Protein backbone atom coordinates (compact mmCIF):
# COMPACT_ATOMS: atom_id res chain seq x y z
CA MET A 1 142.25 84.41 125.84
CA LYS A 2 142.42 82.52 122.55
CA HIS A 3 145.84 82.66 120.76
CA TRP A 4 145.95 83.49 117.07
CA ARG A 5 146.69 80.51 114.92
CA PRO A 6 147.86 80.84 111.25
CA ILE A 7 145.56 79.36 108.64
CA PRO A 8 146.75 75.93 107.66
CA TRP A 9 148.49 75.85 104.25
CA SER A 10 146.25 72.89 103.20
CA ALA A 11 143.29 75.03 103.77
CA LEU A 12 144.64 77.82 101.64
CA ARG A 13 145.44 75.39 98.85
CA ARG A 14 141.83 74.25 98.73
CA VAL A 15 140.61 77.82 98.02
CA ASP A 16 139.77 78.51 94.38
CA TRP A 17 141.91 81.62 93.97
CA SER A 18 141.09 81.81 90.25
CA ALA A 19 137.32 81.95 90.95
CA LEU A 20 138.01 84.57 93.68
CA ALA A 21 139.95 86.73 91.37
CA GLU A 22 137.29 86.37 88.62
CA GLN A 23 134.53 87.44 91.01
CA ALA A 24 136.60 90.31 92.28
CA VAL A 25 137.20 91.64 88.73
CA LEU A 26 133.62 91.13 87.70
CA ALA A 27 132.33 93.00 90.85
CA GLY A 28 134.74 95.93 90.12
CA ILE A 29 133.59 96.13 86.51
CA LEU A 30 129.97 95.88 87.74
CA ALA A 31 130.50 98.80 90.18
CA ILE A 32 132.21 100.98 87.59
CA ALA A 33 129.49 100.29 85.01
CA ALA A 34 126.61 101.07 87.53
CA LEU A 35 128.27 104.20 88.62
CA ILE A 36 128.73 105.53 84.92
CA SER A 37 125.21 104.42 84.13
CA TYR A 38 123.79 106.24 87.18
CA THR A 39 125.63 109.32 86.21
CA HIS A 40 124.30 109.23 82.69
CA LEU A 41 120.75 108.49 83.82
CA ARG A 42 120.94 111.32 86.47
CA ALA A 43 121.83 113.89 83.76
CA VAL A 44 118.98 112.74 81.61
CA TRP A 45 116.65 112.92 84.72
CA GLN A 46 117.81 116.48 85.34
CA HIS A 47 117.49 117.53 81.80
CA ALA A 48 113.80 116.34 81.68
CA GLY A 49 113.19 118.38 84.81
CA ALA A 50 111.90 115.32 86.71
CA PRO A 51 111.93 115.48 90.49
CA TRP A 52 114.37 113.70 92.70
CA PRO A 53 117.15 113.30 90.04
CA ASP A 54 119.38 111.59 92.62
CA TYR A 55 116.99 108.82 93.02
CA GLY A 56 115.24 108.55 89.65
CA PRO A 57 117.98 106.52 87.88
CA LEU A 58 117.47 103.91 90.50
CA LEU A 59 114.08 103.16 89.17
CA VAL A 60 115.66 102.11 85.85
CA ASP A 61 118.59 99.93 86.93
CA GLY A 62 116.72 98.91 90.14
CA LEU A 63 113.82 97.49 87.99
CA PHE A 64 116.54 95.58 85.87
CA ALA A 65 118.14 94.09 88.94
CA SER A 66 114.76 93.13 90.58
CA ALA A 67 113.33 91.56 87.38
CA TRP A 68 116.61 89.56 86.98
CA LEU A 69 116.53 88.35 90.50
CA ARG A 70 112.83 87.37 90.29
CA MET A 71 113.60 85.28 87.14
CA ARG A 72 116.65 83.67 88.82
CA ARG A 73 114.55 82.69 91.79
CA ARG A 74 111.68 81.25 89.85
CA ARG A 75 113.95 79.22 87.74
CA ARG A 76 115.69 77.87 90.73
CA GLN A 77 112.31 76.87 92.05
CA LEU A 78 111.47 75.20 88.70
CA GLU A 79 108.60 77.69 88.19
CA PRO A 80 107.69 79.47 85.05
CA VAL A 81 109.33 82.86 84.80
CA GLY A 82 106.18 84.71 83.72
CA PHE A 83 105.41 87.40 81.30
CA LEU A 84 105.60 90.21 83.79
CA ALA A 85 109.32 89.44 84.75
CA TRP A 86 110.27 89.32 81.14
CA LEU A 87 108.52 92.46 80.32
CA ALA A 88 110.10 94.34 83.22
CA LEU A 89 113.59 93.12 82.28
CA LEU A 90 113.18 94.09 78.66
CA LEU A 91 111.85 97.55 79.48
CA ALA A 92 114.55 98.16 81.97
CA LEU A 93 117.16 97.18 79.40
CA VAL A 94 115.81 99.31 76.87
CA ALA A 95 115.35 102.33 79.18
CA THR A 96 118.91 102.18 80.66
CA LEU A 97 120.45 101.75 77.11
CA ALA A 98 118.32 104.68 75.76
CA GLY A 99 119.12 106.75 78.87
CA ASN A 100 122.84 106.33 78.47
CA VAL A 101 122.82 107.13 74.79
CA ALA A 102 120.53 110.11 75.59
CA ALA A 103 123.24 111.42 77.93
CA ALA A 104 125.67 111.84 75.15
CA HIS A 105 123.10 113.76 72.89
CA ILE A 106 122.21 116.10 75.92
CA ALA A 107 125.92 116.73 76.22
CA GLY A 108 125.91 118.06 72.67
CA HIS A 109 127.66 115.13 70.99
CA ARG A 110 126.38 113.98 67.77
CA GLU A 111 129.00 111.54 66.59
CA PRO A 112 128.11 107.83 66.34
CA LEU A 113 131.14 107.04 68.39
CA ALA A 114 129.87 109.30 71.21
CA TYR A 115 126.56 107.28 71.29
CA ILE A 116 128.45 103.90 71.26
CA VAL A 117 130.69 105.01 74.25
CA ALA A 118 127.81 106.45 76.11
CA GLY A 119 125.76 103.21 75.71
CA TRP A 120 128.54 100.84 76.42
CA PRO A 121 128.10 101.08 80.32
CA ALA A 122 124.50 99.85 80.02
CA VAL A 123 125.66 96.90 78.02
CA VAL A 124 128.55 96.12 80.43
CA LEU A 125 126.15 96.49 83.41
CA ALA A 126 123.77 93.80 82.03
CA LEU A 127 126.52 91.39 81.07
CA ALA A 128 128.57 91.83 84.23
CA TRP A 129 125.33 91.34 86.31
CA GLU A 130 124.67 88.21 84.38
CA LEU A 131 128.18 86.83 85.14
CA VAL A 132 128.23 88.00 88.81
CA THR A 133 124.88 86.60 89.71
CA GLY A 134 125.21 83.40 87.70
CA HIS A 135 121.74 83.75 86.15
CA ALA A 136 122.79 81.71 83.15
CA LYS A 137 124.28 78.95 85.31
CA ARG A 138 122.38 75.84 85.11
CA VAL A 139 120.81 74.65 88.34
CA PRO A 140 121.67 71.09 89.26
CA ALA A 141 118.63 68.97 88.59
CA PRO A 142 117.43 66.14 90.93
CA ALA A 143 118.90 62.82 90.52
CA SER A 144 117.25 60.51 87.99
CA ASP A 145 115.95 58.29 90.65
CA SER A 146 114.36 61.23 92.52
CA PRO A 147 110.70 61.91 92.03
CA ALA A 148 109.82 65.11 90.14
CA PRO A 149 108.42 67.99 92.26
CA ALA A 150 104.84 67.33 93.19
CA SER A 151 103.59 70.73 91.77
CA LEU A 152 105.18 69.90 88.37
CA LEU A 153 103.84 66.40 88.35
CA GLU A 154 100.32 67.56 89.23
CA ARG A 155 100.48 70.28 86.53
CA ALA A 156 101.82 67.77 83.99
CA ARG A 157 98.89 65.35 84.84
CA GLN A 158 96.47 68.12 84.43
CA LEU A 159 97.81 69.10 80.98
CA ALA A 160 97.77 65.43 79.90
CA ALA A 161 94.13 65.09 81.05
CA LYS A 162 93.09 68.30 79.34
CA ALA A 163 94.75 67.30 76.00
CA GLY A 164 93.12 63.93 76.24
CA LYS A 165 96.25 62.23 74.69
CA PRO A 166 99.74 61.59 75.63
CA LEU A 167 102.05 64.60 75.50
CA GLY A 168 105.43 64.56 74.07
CA ARG A 169 108.36 65.64 76.36
CA PRO A 170 109.04 68.75 74.37
CA THR A 171 105.38 69.85 74.49
CA LEU A 172 105.19 69.05 78.14
CA ALA A 173 108.38 70.98 78.93
CA ARG A 174 107.26 73.95 76.84
CA GLU A 175 103.92 74.09 78.72
CA LEU A 176 105.66 73.85 82.09
CA GLY A 177 108.50 76.23 81.27
CA ILE A 178 111.37 73.84 81.80
CA ASN A 179 114.14 72.46 79.70
CA PRO A 180 112.91 69.49 77.53
CA ASN A 181 116.39 67.81 77.92
CA SER A 182 116.48 68.39 81.64
CA THR A 183 116.19 65.65 84.24
CA GLU A 184 113.01 67.21 85.49
CA ALA A 185 111.28 66.79 82.10
CA ARG A 186 112.60 63.13 81.68
CA GLU A 187 111.47 62.31 85.21
CA LEU A 188 108.09 63.77 84.57
CA ALA A 189 107.73 61.68 81.35
CA ARG A 190 108.84 58.66 83.33
CA GLN A 191 106.36 59.10 86.03
CA LEU A 192 103.48 59.92 83.75
CA ALA A 193 104.24 56.71 81.77
CA THR A 194 104.40 54.73 85.03
CA ASN A 195 100.91 56.08 85.81
CA GLY A 196 99.65 54.76 82.29
CA SER A 197 99.95 57.99 80.37
CA GLU A 198 103.12 57.58 78.43
CA PRO A 199 104.08 60.79 76.67
CA LYS A 200 106.11 60.62 73.42
CA THR A 201 109.91 61.27 73.50
């Protein structure tokens, strides 16, 4: 039988307690905002006479979460986000905000303040989700001496061949859906230049 051993103080000192507290607070805020938003959307769902009012609101906030996660995954894989993901995200944002505001109207409130308060959980939900998932956090790029991903390099070569002239790094990055100032864009420009097709910088 193994004896319980206390956690070494040195290990506890290495824990980023500030980051843990931040994530805990954000997770709590996210949970509260999601619950209030769900309650508002459920009231709207019931008022509209739609079936399955307990599950209907999940179609709205669930679409928002799934679109956001798809965008995050594709950016981590250095792939273009795509029009459909952006469309789903924007539709979900508009729908959840409109649904929360409509809940105040259904409840008989007509004051602008009531609309603002009712719509606030939708705003908090979107911002808290962003902060918790770290969607805006920049993904570390490969080192400058590392080759660019083969898929991006191949696409960059195809774009240059199709244009019939050297492509500038901003144009190349825009077509590939990456940051023109990122290491990936600079490395692509370097490799294309090494292969005899030097793009403008």
